[in-house]
Amino acid sequence: MRSKKSKTRRTKKKVSKKVSNDKAFYFNTWQGFTGIKAKSLEEFKKAIKVVPIESLYYHLREDKNDFSAWLRGVLNEKKIADEIDKIKSEMLEGEHLRRAIYFHL
C-alpha cells in the first residue's frame, strides 16, 4: 500500500512538469498574443486568473476549445480537459467563465 506522502509527491510532480516553449500554451485575443504563456498546469492555472476575459473567449470559440486540446494533447490531462469541454457548453460569461475554468484546474 502506498503512503499518502507518495501520492502527494506524484501529484506535485505532475503539476510542476514543464514543457518546452514550442509546446507552451500562448494566451491570445483577437488582437494577438497577450504576453502570457504557460508551460505547466501550475502556470496555466495562474494565468487563467489574470488573462483578459477576451482571451478566454478567444480560446473557447464556438468552433474550438484550445484549452482542452492543450491540456489533453500536451499535458495528457484528460480528466481536466473533459471538464473544460463541459464548461464550454454551459455558455458562461465574464468572471463566471474564469471561475469555472479555474475551479476544474
PDB file of N, CA and C in Angstrom:
ATOM      1  N   MET A   1       0.842  -1.177   0.000  1.00  0.00           N
ATOM      2  CA  MET A   1       0.000   0.000   0.000  1.00  0.00           C
ATOM      3  C   MET A   1       0.890   1.245   0.000  1.00  0.00           C
ATOM      4  N   ARG A   2       0.603   2.161  -0.872  1.00  0.00           N
ATOM      5  CA  ARG A   2       1.393   3.381  -0.971  1.00  0.00           C
ATOM      6  C   ARG A   2       0.956   4.387   0.079  1.00  0.00           C
ATOM      7  N   SER A   3       1.921   5.111   0.529  1.00  0.00           N
ATOM      8  CA  SER A   3       1.607   6.108   1.549  1.00  0.00           C
ATOM      9  C   SER A   3       0.980   7.342   0.926  1.00  0.00           C
ATOM     10  N   LYS A   4       0.327   8.116   1.775  1.00  0.00           N
ATOM     11  CA  LYS A   4      -0.283   9.374   1.344  1.00  0.00           C
ATOM     12  C   LYS A   4       0.797  10.327   0.829  1.00  0.00           C
ATOM     13  N   LYS A   5       1.952  10.296   1.471  1.00  0.00           N
ATOM     14  CA  LYS A   5       3.071  11.153   1.090  1.00  0.00           C
ATOM     15  C   LYS A   5       3.522  10.845  -0.338  1.00  0.00           C
ATOM     16  N   SER A   6       3.575   9.570  -0.680  1.00  0.00           N
ATOM     17  CA  SER A   6       3.980   9.152  -2.022  1.00  0.00           C
ATOM     18  C   SER A   6       3.023   9.691  -3.079  1.00  0.00           C
ATOM     19  N   LYS A   7       1.729   9.612  -2.795  1.00  0.00           N
ATOM     20  CA  LYS A   7       0.730  10.117  -3.732  1.00  0.00           C
ATOM     21  C   LYS A   7       0.874  11.633  -3.903  1.00  0.00           C
ATOM     22  N   THR A   8       1.121  12.341  -2.812  1.00  0.00           N
ATOM     23  CA  THR A   8       1.299  13.790  -2.871  1.00  0.00           C
ATOM     24  C   THR A   8       2.494  14.142  -3.739  1.00  0.00           C
ATOM     25  N   ARG A   9       3.575  13.427  -3.610  1.00  0.00           N
ATOM     26  CA  ARG A   9       4.759  13.680  -4.433  1.00  0.00           C
ATOM     27  C   ARG A   9       4.455  13.496  -5.909  1.00  0.00           C
ATOM     28  N   ARG A  10       3.747  12.426  -6.249  1.00  0.00           N
ATOM     29  CA  ARG A  10       3.409  12.177  -7.652  1.00  0.00           C
ATOM     30  C   ARG A  10       2.526  13.282  -8.190  1.00  0.00           C
ATOM     31  N   THR A  11       1.539  13.701  -7.422  1.00  0.00           N
ATOM     32  CA  THR A  11       0.643  14.765  -7.852  1.00  0.00           C
ATOM     33  C   THR A  11       1.419  16.055  -8.041  1.00  0.00           C
ATOM     34  N   LYS A  12       2.274  16.373  -7.100  1.00  0.00           N
ATOM     35  CA  LYS A  12       3.063  17.597  -7.187  1.00  0.00           C
ATOM     36  C   LYS A  12       3.970  17.561  -8.409  1.00  0.00           C
ATOM     37  N   LYS A  13       4.589  16.410  -8.661  1.00  0.00           N
ATOM     38  CA  LYS A  13       5.469  16.262  -9.813  1.00  0.00           C
ATOM     39  C   LYS A  13       4.694  16.486 -11.104  1.00  0.00           C
ATOM     40  N   LYS A  14       3.499  15.942 -11.177  1.00  0.00           N
ATOM     41  CA  LYS A  14       2.670  16.087 -12.361  1.00  0.00           C
ATOM     42  C   LYS A  14       2.305  17.557 -12.588  1.00  0.00           C
ATOM     43  N   VAL A  15       1.952  18.259 -11.532  1.00  0.00           N
ATOM     44  CA  VAL A  15       1.575  19.662 -11.644  1.00  0.00           C
ATOM     45  C   VAL A  15       2.761  20.504 -12.086  1.00  0.00           C
ATOM     46  N   SER A  16       3.950  20.191 -11.581  1.00  0.00           N
ATOM     47  CA  SER A  16       5.097  21.032 -11.878  1.00  0.00           C
ATOM     48  C   SER A  16       5.830  20.639 -13.159  1.00  0.00           C
ATOM     49  N   LYS A  17       5.384  19.592 -13.852  1.00  0.00           N
ATOM     50  CA  LYS A  17       6.013  19.191 -15.111  1.00  0.00           C
ATOM     51  C   LYS A  17       5.904  20.343 -16.109  1.00  0.00           C
ATOM     52  N   LYS A  18       7.049  20.734 -16.665  1.00  0.00           N
ATOM     53  CA  LYS A  18       7.053  21.832 -17.628  1.00  0.00           C
ATOM     54  C   LYS A  18       7.361  21.310 -19.018  1.00  0.00           C
ATOM     55  N   VAL A  19       6.758  21.944 -20.005  1.00  0.00           N
ATOM     56  CA  VAL A  19       7.029  21.611 -21.397  1.00  0.00           C
ATOM     57  C   VAL A  19       7.900  22.710 -22.002  1.00  0.00           C
ATOM     58  N   SER A  20       8.424  22.450 -23.165  1.00  0.00           N
ATOM     59  CA  SER A  20       9.274  23.428 -23.848  1.00  0.00           C
ATOM     60  C   SER A  20       8.434  24.581 -24.394  1.00  0.00           C
ATOM     61  N   ASN A  21       9.107  25.660 -24.767  1.00  0.00           N
ATOM     62  CA  ASN A  21       8.414  26.834 -25.313  1.00  0.00           C
ATOM     63  C   ASN A  21       7.559  26.497 -26.527  1.00  0.00           C
ATOM     64  N   ASP A  22       8.022  25.567 -27.358  1.00  0.00           N
ATOM     65  CA  ASP A  22       7.248  25.238 -28.555  1.00  0.00           C
ATOM     66  C   ASP A  22       5.967  24.477 -28.240  1.00  0.00           C
ATOM     67  N   LYS A  23       5.851  23.932 -27.033  1.00  0.00           N
ATOM     68  CA  LYS A  23       4.621  23.235 -26.624  1.00  0.00           C
ATOM     69  C   LYS A  23       3.832  24.020 -25.578  1.00  0.00           C
ATOM     70  N   ALA A  24       4.336  25.181 -25.203  1.00  0.00           N
ATOM     71  CA  ALA A  24       3.663  26.019 -24.205  1.00  0.00           C
ATOM     72  C   ALA A  24       2.323  26.511 -24.739  1.00  0.00           C
ATOM     73  N   PHE A  25       1.440  26.893 -23.823  1.00  0.00           N
ATOM     74  CA  PHE A  25       0.161  27.489 -24.229  1.00  0.00           C
ATOM     75  C   PHE A  25       0.341  28.995 -24.259  1.00  0.00           C
ATOM     76  N   TYR A  26       0.070  29.600 -25.406  1.00  0.00           N
ATOM     77  CA  TYR A  26       0.187  31.044 -25.583  1.00  0.00           C
ATOM     78  C   TYR A  26      -1.212  31.646 -25.575  1.00  0.00           C
ATOM     79  N   PHE A  27      -1.486  32.488 -24.610  1.00  0.00           N
ATOM     80  CA  PHE A  27      -2.792  33.119 -24.480  1.00  0.00           C
ATOM     81  C   PHE A  27      -2.899  34.282 -25.458  1.00  0.00           C
ATOM     82  N   ASN A  28      -3.892  34.230 -26.302  1.00  0.00           N
ATOM     83  CA  ASN A  28      -4.124  35.253 -27.317  1.00  0.00           C
ATOM     84  C   ASN A  28      -5.499  35.879 -27.153  1.00  0.00           C
ATOM     85  N   THR A  29      -5.684  36.981 -27.835  1.00  0.00           N
ATOM     86  CA  THR A  29      -7.002  37.575 -28.067  1.00  0.00           C
ATOM     87  C   THR A  29      -7.089  37.743 -29.576  1.00  0.00           C
ATOM     88  N   TRP A  30      -8.157  38.336 -30.053  1.00  0.00           N
ATOM     89  CA  TRP A  30      -8.272  38.563 -31.491  1.00  0.00           C
ATOM     90  C   TRP A  30      -7.216  39.560 -31.978  1.00  0.00           C
ATOM     91  N   GLN A  31      -6.638  40.330 -31.067  1.00  0.00           N
ATOM     92  CA  GLN A  31      -5.594  41.296 -31.429  1.00  0.00           C
ATOM     93  C   GLN A  31      -4.206  40.663 -31.438  1.00  0.00           C
ATOM     94  N   GLY A  32      -4.056  39.473 -30.906  1.00  0.00           N
ATOM     95  CA  GLY A  32      -2.762  38.798 -30.883  1.00  0.00           C
ATOM     96  C   GLY A  32      -2.368  38.306 -29.504  1.00  0.00           C
ATOM     97  N   PHE A  33      -1.081  38.014 -29.348  1.00  0.00           N
ATOM     98  CA  PHE A  33      -0.524  37.444 -28.125  1.00  0.00           C
ATOM     99  C   PHE A  33      -0.638  38.425 -26.956  1.00  0.00           C
ATOM    100  N   THR A  34      -1.082  37.924 -25.813  1.00  0.00           N
ATOM    101  CA  THR A  34      -1.269  38.761 -24.619  1.00  0.00           C
ATOM    102  C   THR A  34       0.026  38.980 -23.841  1.00  0.00           C
ATOM    103  N   GLY A  35       1.051  38.221 -24.170  1.00  0.00           N
ATOM    104  CA  GLY A  35       2.294  38.279 -23.405  1.00  0.00           C
ATOM    105  C   GLY A  35       2.328  37.249 -22.292  1.00  0.00           C
ATOM    106  N   ILE A  36       1.286  36.436 -22.189  1.00  0.00           N
ATOM    107  CA  ILE A  36       1.196  35.425 -21.132  1.00  0.00           C
ATOM    108  C   ILE A  36       1.231  34.041 -21.762  1.00  0.00           C
ATOM    109  N   LYS A  37       2.102  33.188 -21.225  1.00  0.00           N
ATOM    110  CA  LYS A  37       2.167  31.805 -21.692  1.00  0.00           C
ATOM    111  C   LYS A  37       2.271  30.884 -20.489  1.00  0.00           C
ATOM    112  N   ALA A  38       1.959  29.614 -20.707  1.00  0.00           N
ATOM    113  CA  ALA A  38       2.039  28.615 -19.644  1.00  0.00           C
ATOM    114  C   ALA A  38       2.765  27.391 -20.173  1.00  0.00           C
ATOM    115  N   LYS A  39       3.703  26.897 -19.359  1.00  0.00           N
ATOM    116  CA  LYS A  39       4.449  25.706 -19.741  1.00  0.00           C
ATOM    117  C   LYS A  39       4.170  24.530 -18.807  1.00  0.00           C
ATOM    118  N   SER A  40       3.237  24.719 -17.884  1.00  0.00           N
ATOM    119  CA  SER A  40       2.857  23.654 -16.955  1.00  0.00           C
ATOM    120  C   SER A  40       1.413  23.895 -16.518  1.00  0.00           C
ATOM    121  N   LEU A  41       0.837  22.897 -15.882  1.00  0.00           N
ATOM    122  CA  LEU A  41      -0.523  23.051 -15.369  1.00  0.00           C
ATOM    123  C   LEU A  41      -0.562  24.144 -14.306  1.00  0.00           C
ATOM    124  N   GLU A  42       0.464  24.200 -13.490  1.00  0.00           N
ATOM    125  CA  GLU A  42       0.537  25.224 -12.451  1.00  0.00           C
ATOM    126  C   GLU A  42       0.569  26.630 -13.070  1.00  0.00           C
ATOM    127  N   GLU A  43       1.382  26.827 -14.096  1.00  0.00           N
ATOM    128  CA  GLU A  43       1.451  28.129 -14.769  1.00  0.00           C
ATOM    129  C   GLU A  43       0.138  28.452 -15.477  1.00  0.00           C
ATOM    130  N   PHE A  44      -0.496  27.430 -16.047  1.00  0.00           N
ATOM    131  CA  PHE A  44      -1.774  27.619 -16.733  1.00  0.00           C
ATOM    132  C   PHE A  44      -2.827  28.108 -15.744  1.00  0.00           C
ATOM    133  N   LYS A  45      -2.862  27.486 -14.584  1.00  0.00           N
ATOM    134  CA  LYS A  45      -3.830  27.867 -13.553  1.00  0.00           C
ATOM    135  C   LYS A  45      -3.612  29.311 -13.111  1.00  0.00           C
ATOM    136  N   LYS A  46      -2.363  29.696 -12.904  1.00  0.00           N
ATOM    137  CA  LYS A  46      -2.057  31.080 -12.520  1.00  0.00           C
ATOM    138  C   LYS A  46      -2.462  32.050 -13.621  1.00  0.00           C
ATOM    139  N   ALA A  47      -2.220  31.680 -14.861  1.00  0.00           N
ATOM    140  CA  ALA A  47      -2.533  32.553 -15.993  1.00  0.00           C
ATOM    141  C   ALA A  47      -4.034  32.766 -16.140  1.00  0.00           C
ATOM    142  N   ILE A  48      -4.822  31.721 -15.914  1.00  0.00           N
ATOM    143  CA  ILE A  48      -6.282  31.834 -16.039  1.00  0.00           C
ATOM    144  C   ILE A  48      -6.803  32.942 -15.125  1.00  0.00           C
ATOM    145  N   LYS A  49      -6.162  33.154 -13.988  1.00  0.00           N
ATOM    146  CA  LYS A  49      -6.596  34.182 -13.042  1.00  0.00           C
ATOM    147  C   LYS A  49      -6.360  35.603 -13.546  1.00  0.00           C
ATOM    148  N   VAL A  50      -5.418  35.780 -14.482  1.00  0.00           N
ATOM    149  CA  VAL A  50      -5.024  37.144 -14.859  1.00  0.00           C
ATOM    150  C   VAL A  50      -5.202  37.508 -16.331  1.00  0.00           C
ATOM    151  N   VAL A  51      -5.385  36.528 -17.202  1.00  0.00           N
ATOM    152  CA  VAL A  51      -5.516  36.877 -18.621  1.00  0.00           C
ATOM    153  C   VAL A  51      -6.809  37.657 -18.848  1.00  0.00           C
ATOM    154  N   PRO A  52      -6.839  38.491 -19.874  1.00  0.00           N
ATOM    155  CA  PRO A  52      -8.081  39.209 -20.188  1.00  0.00           C
ATOM    156  C   PRO A  52      -9.214  38.219 -20.508  1.00  0.00           C
ATOM    157  N   ILE A  53     -10.413  38.585 -20.126  1.00  0.00           N
ATOM    158  CA  ILE A  53     -11.585  37.752 -20.428  1.00  0.00           C
ATOM    159  C   ILE A  53     -11.654  37.455 -21.925  1.00  0.00           C
ATOM    160  N   GLU A  54     -11.270  38.422 -22.749  1.00  0.00           N
ATOM    161  CA  GLU A  54     -11.292  38.241 -24.200  1.00  0.00           C
ATOM    162  C   GLU A  54     -10.437  37.047 -24.618  1.00  0.00           C
ATOM    163  N   SER A  55      -9.367  36.780 -23.876  1.00  0.00           N
ATOM    164  CA  SER A  55      -8.522  35.632 -24.186  1.00  0.00           C
ATOM    165  C   SER A  55      -9.267  34.329 -23.912  1.00  0.00           C
ATOM    166  N   LEU A  56     -10.042  34.298 -22.842  1.00  0.00           N
ATOM    167  CA  LEU A  56     -10.839  33.103 -22.550  1.00  0.00           C
ATOM    168  C   LEU A  56     -11.839  32.854 -23.669  1.00  0.00           C
ATOM    169  N   TYR A  57     -12.505  33.911 -24.112  1.00  0.00           N
ATOM    170  CA  TYR A  57     -13.463  33.774 -25.212  1.00  0.00           C
ATOM    171  C   TYR A  57     -12.762  33.326 -26.493  1.00  0.00           C
ATOM    172  N   TYR A  58     -11.600  33.898 -26.751  1.00  0.00           N
ATOM    173  CA  TYR A  58     -10.853  33.563 -27.965  1.00  0.00           C
ATOM    174  C   TYR A  58     -10.528  32.064 -28.009  1.00  0.00           C
ATOM    175  N   HIS A  59     -10.098  31.519 -26.902  1.00  0.00           N
ATOM    176  CA  HIS A  59      -9.672  30.120 -26.867  1.00  0.00           C
ATOM    177  C   HIS A  59     -10.826  29.140 -26.686  1.00  0.00           C
ATOM    178  N   LEU A  60     -12.015  29.640 -26.351  1.00  0.00           N
ATOM    179  CA  LEU A  60     -13.195  28.780 -26.215  1.00  0.00           C
ATOM    180  C   LEU A  60     -14.243  29.147 -27.258  1.00  0.00           C
ATOM    181  N   ARG A  61     -13.784  29.456 -28.449  1.00  0.00           N
ATOM    182  CA  ARG A  61     -14.714  29.832 -29.515  1.00  0.00           C
ATOM    183  C   ARG A  61     -15.645  28.682 -29.864  1.00  0.00           C
ATOM    184  N   GLU A  62     -16.678  29.047 -30.588  1.00  0.00           N
ATOM    185  CA  GLU A  62     -17.689  28.072 -30.983  1.00  0.00           C
ATOM    186  C   GLU A  62     -17.081  26.882 -31.719  1.00  0.00           C
ATOM    187  N   ASP A  63     -16.090  27.153 -32.558  1.00  0.00           N
ATOM    188  CA  ASP A  63     -15.531  26.105 -33.402  1.00  0.00           C
ATOM    189  C   ASP A  63     -14.347  25.353 -32.789  1.00  0.00           C
ATOM    190  N   LYS A  64     -13.895  25.738 -31.594  1.00  0.00           N
ATOM    191  CA  LYS A  64     -12.774  25.013 -30.996  1.00  0.00           C
ATOM    192  C   LYS A  64     -12.677  25.275 -29.498  1.00  0.00           C
ATOM    193  N   ASN A  65     -11.847  24.454 -28.857  1.00  0.00           N
ATOM    194  CA  ASN A  65     -11.558  24.615 -27.434  1.00  0.00           C
ATOM    195  C   ASN A  65     -10.056  24.411 -27.264  1.00  0.00           C
ATOM    196  N   ASP A  66      -9.309  25.483 -27.394  1.00  0.00           N
ATOM    197  CA  ASP A  66      -7.851  25.403 -27.297  1.00  0.00           C
ATOM    198  C   ASP A  66      -7.389  24.905 -25.936  1.00  0.00           C
ATOM    199  N   PHE A  67      -8.107  25.269 -24.883  1.00  0.00           N
ATOM    200  CA  PHE A  67      -7.704  24.870 -23.537  1.00  0.00           C
ATOM    201  C   PHE A  67      -7.719  23.350 -23.392  1.00  0.00           C
ATOM    202  N   SER A  68      -8.831  22.727 -23.715  1.00  0.00           N
ATOM    203  CA  SER A  68      -8.911  21.275 -23.549  1.00  0.00           C
ATOM    204  C   SER A  68      -7.980  20.561 -24.523  1.00  0.00           C
ATOM    205  N   ALA A  69      -7.799  21.104 -25.720  1.00  0.00           N
ATOM    206  CA  ALA A  69      -6.883  20.485 -26.685  1.00  0.00           C
ATOM    207  C   ALA A  69      -5.454  20.465 -26.135  1.00  0.00           C
ATOM    208  N   TRP A  70      -5.016  21.570 -25.535  1.00  0.00           N
ATOM    209  CA  TRP A  70      -3.662  21.641 -24.978  1.00  0.00           C
ATOM    210  C   TRP A  70      -3.536  20.762 -23.734  1.00  0.00           C
ATOM    211  N   LEU A  71      -4.510  20.840 -22.855  1.00  0.00           N
ATOM    212  CA  LEU A  71      -4.464  20.026 -21.640  1.00  0.00           C
ATOM    213  C   LEU A  71      -4.426  18.536 -21.967  1.00  0.00           C
ATOM    214  N   ARG A  72      -5.212  18.129 -22.941  1.00  0.00           N
ATOM    215  CA  ARG A  72      -5.291  16.727 -23.330  1.00  0.00           C
ATOM    216  C   ARG A  72      -4.061  16.317 -24.148  1.00  0.00           C
ATOM    217  N   GLY A  73      -3.741  17.097 -25.154  1.00  0.00           N
ATOM    218  CA  GLY A  73      -2.707  16.706 -26.106  1.00  0.00           C
ATOM    219  C   GLY A  73      -1.280  16.922 -25.641  1.00  0.00           C
ATOM    220  N   VAL A  74      -1.037  17.969 -24.874  1.00  0.00           N
ATOM    221  CA  VAL A  74       0.328  18.295 -24.454  1.00  0.00           C
ATOM    222  C   VAL A  74       0.607  17.820 -23.029  1.00  0.00           C
ATOM    223  N   LEU A  75      -0.286  18.095 -22.109  1.00  0.00           N
ATOM    224  CA  LEU A  75      -0.056  17.723 -20.705  1.00  0.00           C
ATOM    225  C   LEU A  75      -0.641  16.365 -20.332  1.00  0.00           C
ATOM    226  N   ASN A  76      -1.399  15.764 -21.252  1.00  0.00           N
ATOM    227  CA  ASN A  76      -2.029  14.467 -21.010  1.00  0.00           C
ATOM    228  C   ASN A  76      -2.969  14.501 -19.802  1.00  0.00           C
ATOM    229  N   GLU A  77      -3.665  15.611 -19.643  1.00  0.00           N
ATOM    230  CA  GLU A  77      -4.620  15.809 -18.543  1.00  0.00           C
ATOM    231  C   GLU A  77      -6.039  15.592 -19.078  1.00  0.00           C
ATOM    232  N   LYS A  78      -6.378  14.347 -19.342  1.00  0.00           N
ATOM    233  CA  LYS A  78      -7.654  14.020 -19.982  1.00  0.00           C
ATOM    234  C   LYS A  78      -8.868  14.385 -19.128  1.00  0.00           C
ATOM    235  N   LYS A  79      -8.806  14.101 -17.833  1.00  0.00           N
ATOM    236  CA  LYS A  79      -9.955  14.399 -16.959  1.00  0.00           C
ATOM    237  C   LYS A  79     -10.230  15.901 -16.906  1.00  0.00           C
ATOM    238  N   ILE A  80      -9.172  16.683 -16.739  1.00  0.00           N
ATOM    239  CA  ILE A  80      -9.348  18.135 -16.688  1.00  0.00           C
ATOM    240  C   ILE A  80      -9.866  18.640 -18.027  1.00  0.00           C
ATOM    241  N   ALA A  81      -9.319  18.125 -19.114  1.00  0.00           N
ATOM    242  CA  ALA A  81      -9.757  18.537 -20.448  1.00  0.00           C
ATOM    243  C   ALA A  81     -11.242  18.244 -20.651  1.00  0.00           C
ATOM    244  N   ASP A  82     -11.690  17.098 -20.184  1.00  0.00           N
ATOM    245  CA  ASP A  82     -13.113  16.750 -20.299  1.00  0.00           C
ATOM    246  C   ASP A  82     -13.985  17.743 -19.532  1.00  0.00           C
ATOM    247  N   GLU A  83     -13.530  18.159 -18.361  1.00  0.00           N
ATOM    248  CA  GLU A  83     -14.289  19.140 -17.573  1.00  0.00           C
ATOM    249  C   GLU A  83     -14.336  20.498 -18.277  1.00  0.00           C
ATOM    250  N   ILE A  84     -13.237  20.895 -18.888  1.00  0.00           N
ATOM    251  CA  ILE A  84     -13.199  22.163 -19.622  1.00  0.00           C
ATOM    252  C   ILE A  84     -14.129  22.088 -20.831  1.00  0.00           C
ATOM    253  N   ASP A  85     -14.207  20.930 -21.463  1.00  0.00           N
ATOM    254  CA  ASP A  85     -15.157  20.747 -22.574  1.00  0.00           C
ATOM    255  C   ASP A  85     -16.592  20.985 -22.108  1.00  0.00           C
ATOM    256  N   LYS A  86     -16.920  20.510 -20.923  1.00  0.00           N
ATOM    257  CA  LYS A  86     -18.274  20.694 -20.385  1.00  0.00           C
ATOM    258  C   LYS A  86     -18.568  22.167 -20.114  1.00  0.00           C
ATOM    259  N   ILE A  87     -17.570  22.898 -19.629  1.00  0.00           N
ATOM    260  CA  ILE A  87     -17.741  24.327 -19.345  1.00  0.00           C
ATOM    261  C   ILE A  87     -18.136  25.077 -20.604  1.00  0.00           C
ATOM    262  N   LYS A  88     -17.517  24.721 -21.699  1.00  0.00           N
ATOM    263  CA  LYS A  88     -17.805  25.406 -22.964  1.00  0.00           C
ATOM    264  C   LYS A  88     -19.297  25.328 -23.296  1.00  0.00           C
ATOM    265  N   SER A  89     -19.904  24.199 -23.055  1.00  0.00           N
ATOM    266  CA  SER A  89     -21.321  24.029 -23.387  1.00  0.00           C
ATOM    267  C   SER A  89     -22.247  24.787 -22.435  1.00  0.00           C
ATOM    268  N   GLU A  90     -21.719  25.255 -21.306  1.00  0.00           N
ATOM    269  CA  GLU A  90     -22.541  25.990 -20.340  1.00  0.00           C
ATOM    270  C   GLU A  90     -22.757  27.452 -20.727  1.00  0.00           C
ATOM    271  N   MET A  91     -22.012  27.930 -21.713  1.00  0.00           N
ATOM    272  CA  MET A  91     -22.170  29.298 -22.224  1.00  0.00           C
ATOM    273  C   MET A  91     -22.010  30.347 -21.121  1.00  0.00           C
ATOM    274  N   LEU A  92     -21.029  30.170 -20.268  1.00  0.00           N
ATOM    275  CA  LEU A  92     -20.767  31.131 -19.195  1.00  0.00           C
ATOM    276  C   LEU A  92     -20.087  32.374 -19.750  1.00  0.00           C
ATOM    277  N   GLU A  93     -20.235  33.474 -19.032  1.00  0.00           N
ATOM    278  CA  GLU A  93     -19.634  34.729 -19.483  1.00  0.00           C
ATOM    279  C   GLU A  93     -18.818  35.368 -18.371  1.00  0.00           C
ATOM    280  N   GLY A  94     -17.887  36.215 -18.758  1.00  0.00           N
ATOM    281  CA  GLY A  94     -17.115  37.036 -17.834  1.00  0.00           C
ATOM    282  C   GLY A  94     -16.431  36.243 -16.739  1.00  0.00           C
ATOM    283  N   GLU A  95     -16.491  36.786 -15.539  1.00  0.00           N
ATOM    284  CA  GLU A  95     -15.811  36.171 -14.404  1.00  0.00           C
ATOM    285  C   GLU A  95     -16.392  34.812 -14.038  1.00  0.00           C
ATOM    286  N   HIS A  96     -17.646  34.554 -14.401  1.00  0.00           N
ATOM    287  CA  HIS A  96     -18.231  33.225 -14.169  1.00  0.00           C
ATOM    288  C   HIS A  96     -17.462  32.183 -14.971  1.00  0.00           C
ATOM    289  N   LEU A  97     -17.112  32.524 -16.192  1.00  0.00           N
ATOM    290  CA  LEU A  97     -16.334  31.623 -17.037  1.00  0.00           C
ATOM    291  C   LEU A  97     -14.950  31.402 -16.430  1.00  0.00           C
ATOM    292  N   ARG A  98     -14.297  32.467 -16.045  1.00  0.00           N
ATOM    293  CA  ARG A  98     -12.954  32.362 -15.448  1.00  0.00           C
ATOM    294  C   ARG A  98     -12.983  31.457 -14.211  1.00  0.00           C
ATOM    295  N   ARG A  99     -13.945  31.683 -13.320  1.00  0.00           N
ATOM    296  CA  ARG A  99     -14.030  30.888 -12.092  1.00  0.00           C
ATOM    297  C   ARG A  99     -14.300  29.416 -12.397  1.00  0.00           C
ATOM    298  N   ALA A 100     -15.136  29.151 -13.373  1.00  0.00           N
ATOM    299  CA  ALA A 100     -15.447  27.762 -13.722  1.00  0.00           C
ATOM    300  C   ALA A 100     -14.207  27.040 -14.254  1.00  0.00           C
ATOM    301  N   ILE A 101     -13.456  27.705 -15.105  1.00  0.00           N
ATOM    302  CA  ILE A 101     -12.225  27.099 -15.627  1.00  0.00           C
ATOM    303  C   ILE A 101     -11.249  26.858 -14.481  1.00  0.00           C
ATOM    304  N   TYR A 102     -11.026  27.875 -13.678  1.00  0.00           N
ATOM    305  CA  TYR A 102     -10.075  27.786 -12.570  1.00  0.00           C
ATOM    306  C   TYR A 102     -10.454  26.664 -11.597  1.00  0.00           C
ATOM    307  N   PHE A 103     -11.729  26.530 -11.317  1.00  0.00           N
ATOM    308  CA  PHE A 103     -12.216  25.507 -10.393  1.00  0.00           C
ATOM    309  C   PHE A 103     -11.787  24.107 -10.828  1.00  0.00           C
ATOM    310  N   HIS A 104     -11.813  23.843 -12.125  1.00  0.00           N
ATOM    311  CA  HIS A 104     -11.505  22.499 -12.623  1.00  0.00           C
ATOM    312  C   HIS A 104     -10.013  22.242 -12.801  1.00  0.00           C
ATOM    313  N   LEU A 105      -9.218  23.260 -12.628  1.00  0.00           N
ATOM    314  CA  LEU A 105      -7.769  23.070 -12.743  1.00  0.00           C
ATOM    315  C   LEU A 105      -7.199  22.653 -11.405  1.00  0.00           C
TER     316      LEU A 105
END
